[in-house]
Amino acid sequence: MKTKLSPEEFVRLAIARLRLENYKGIHSVYSGFNDAFKAYFDGANPIDATGELAKQGKIALRPVKGGVMLYLPGEGPELSRGDMALKKMGLLERPASSA
């Protein structure tokens, strides 16, 4: 019998296997990730788990319409949409730190 994956292992595996060609991340809803997470972890909340992993720097999250994009560290966009807009407007001198 296989041992159950930890939430971190599950999320990293999902990002690696569920992302579409030419994309580095996955959409939490449209990829089926949220439903798969809940099914695998007996109804556990994927938002809490991914939020904690992001705080620890083990994954990166970017808010998007209908959910979030999940990325492996260093593979997500450097700037948020707001920061990109500020940069184009000449109002961002340096990228804001991702908190």
Protein backbone atom coordinates (compact mmCIF):
# COMPACT_ATOMS: atom_id res chain seq x y z
CA MET A 1 0.00 0.00 0.00
CA LYS A 2 1.30 3.46 -0.93
CA THR A 3 1.80 6.02 1.78
CA LYS A 4 -0.40 9.08 1.57
CA LEU A 5 1.28 12.21 0.23
CA SER A 6 1.72 15.24 2.46
CA PRO A 7 -0.16 18.38 1.38
CA GLU A 8 3.13 19.86 0.11
CA GLU A 9 3.93 16.77 -1.95
CA PHE A 10 0.37 16.70 -3.30
CA VAL A 11 0.46 20.37 -4.36
CA ARG A 12 3.89 20.08 -6.00
CA LEU A 13 2.81 16.93 -7.86
CA ALA A 14 -0.41 18.62 -8.99
CA ILE A 15 1.44 21.66 -10.33
CA ALA A 16 3.91 19.47 -12.22
CA ARG A 17 1.29 17.12 -13.69
CA LEU A 18 -1.79 19.30 -14.20
CA ARG A 19 -0.23 22.28 -15.92
CA LEU A 20 -0.97 22.62 -19.59
CA GLU A 21 1.66 22.85 -22.29
CA ASN A 22 3.42 26.24 -22.29
CA TYR A 23 2.09 27.14 -18.81
CA LYS A 24 4.11 27.05 -15.60
CA GLY A 25 1.18 27.16 -13.19
CA ILE A 26 -2.27 25.71 -12.68
CA HIS A 27 -5.59 27.39 -11.93
CA SER A 28 -6.88 26.14 -8.60
CA VAL A 29 -10.45 25.67 -9.87
CA TYR A 30 -10.27 25.08 -13.62
CA SER A 31 -7.53 22.44 -13.34
CA GLY A 32 -9.62 20.41 -10.89
CA PHE A 33 -7.01 20.92 -8.17
CA ASN A 34 -9.41 22.10 -5.45
CA ASP A 35 -11.78 19.16 -5.94
CA ALA A 36 -8.89 16.68 -6.10
CA PHE A 37 -7.36 18.10 -2.90
CA LYS A 38 -10.66 17.84 -1.04
CA ALA A 39 -11.19 14.27 -2.24
CA TYR A 40 -7.64 13.15 -1.36
CA PHE A 41 -7.56 14.82 2.06
CA ASP A 42 -11.11 13.96 3.17
CA GLY A 43 -12.65 17.39 2.69
CA ALA A 44 -9.68 19.47 3.88
CA ASN A 45 -9.66 23.09 2.71
CA PRO A 46 -7.18 23.58 -0.18
CA ILE A 47 -7.19 27.36 0.37
CA ASP A 48 -5.80 26.98 3.89
CA ALA A 49 -3.19 24.44 2.79
CA THR A 50 -1.94 26.39 -0.24
CA GLY A 51 -1.94 29.65 1.73
CA GLU A 52 0.27 28.10 4.39
CA LEU A 53 2.62 26.61 1.79
CA ALA A 54 2.89 30.02 0.11
CA LYS A 55 3.72 31.68 3.45
CA GLN A 56 6.51 29.13 3.87
CA GLY A 57 7.82 29.88 0.37
CA LYS A 58 7.20 26.33 -0.84
CA ILE A 59 4.83 27.47 -3.62
CA ALA A 60 3.80 30.78 -5.16
CA LEU A 61 0.20 32.00 -5.50
CA ARG A 62 -1.20 34.67 -7.80
CA PRO A 63 -4.85 35.75 -7.55
CA VAL A 64 -6.76 35.42 -10.83
CA LYS A 65 -10.38 35.49 -11.87
CA GLY A 66 -12.21 32.58 -10.29
CA GLY A 67 -9.40 31.43 -7.98
CA VAL A 68 -5.61 31.50 -7.82
CA MET A 69 -2.76 30.28 -9.96
CA LEU A 70 -0.39 27.88 -8.21
CA TYR A 71 3.30 27.85 -9.15
CA LEU A 72 6.44 26.13 -7.98
CA PRO A 73 8.85 28.62 -6.37
CA GLY A 74 10.56 30.83 -8.94
CA GLU A 75 8.27 29.80 -11.78
CA GLY A 76 5.48 32.34 -11.26
CA PRO A 77 5.31 35.85 -12.64
CA GLU A 78 7.75 38.23 -11.00
CA LEU A 79 5.27 41.07 -10.69
CA SER A 80 1.58 41.13 -9.86
CA ARG A 81 -0.79 42.72 -12.36
CA GLY A 82 -0.97 45.81 -10.18
CA ASP A 83 2.82 46.08 -10.05
CA MET A 84 3.02 45.56 -13.83
CA ALA A 85 0.52 48.40 -14.33
CA LEU A 86 2.49 50.67 -11.99
CA LYS A 87 5.71 49.81 -13.85
CA LYS A 88 4.14 50.66 -17.23
CA MET A 89 2.94 53.93 -15.74
CA GLY A 90 6.46 54.67 -14.53
CA LEU A 91 5.38 54.62 -10.90
CA LEU A 92 7.18 51.49 -9.74
CA GLU A 93 10.88 51.92 -9.12
CA ARG A 94 11.56 48.40 -7.93
CA PRO A 95 9.40 45.26 -7.64
CA ALA A 96 7.44 45.04 -4.42
CA SER A 97 8.43 42.17 -2.18
CA SER A 98 6.00 39.26 -2.32
CA ALA A 99 4.53 38.83 1.11
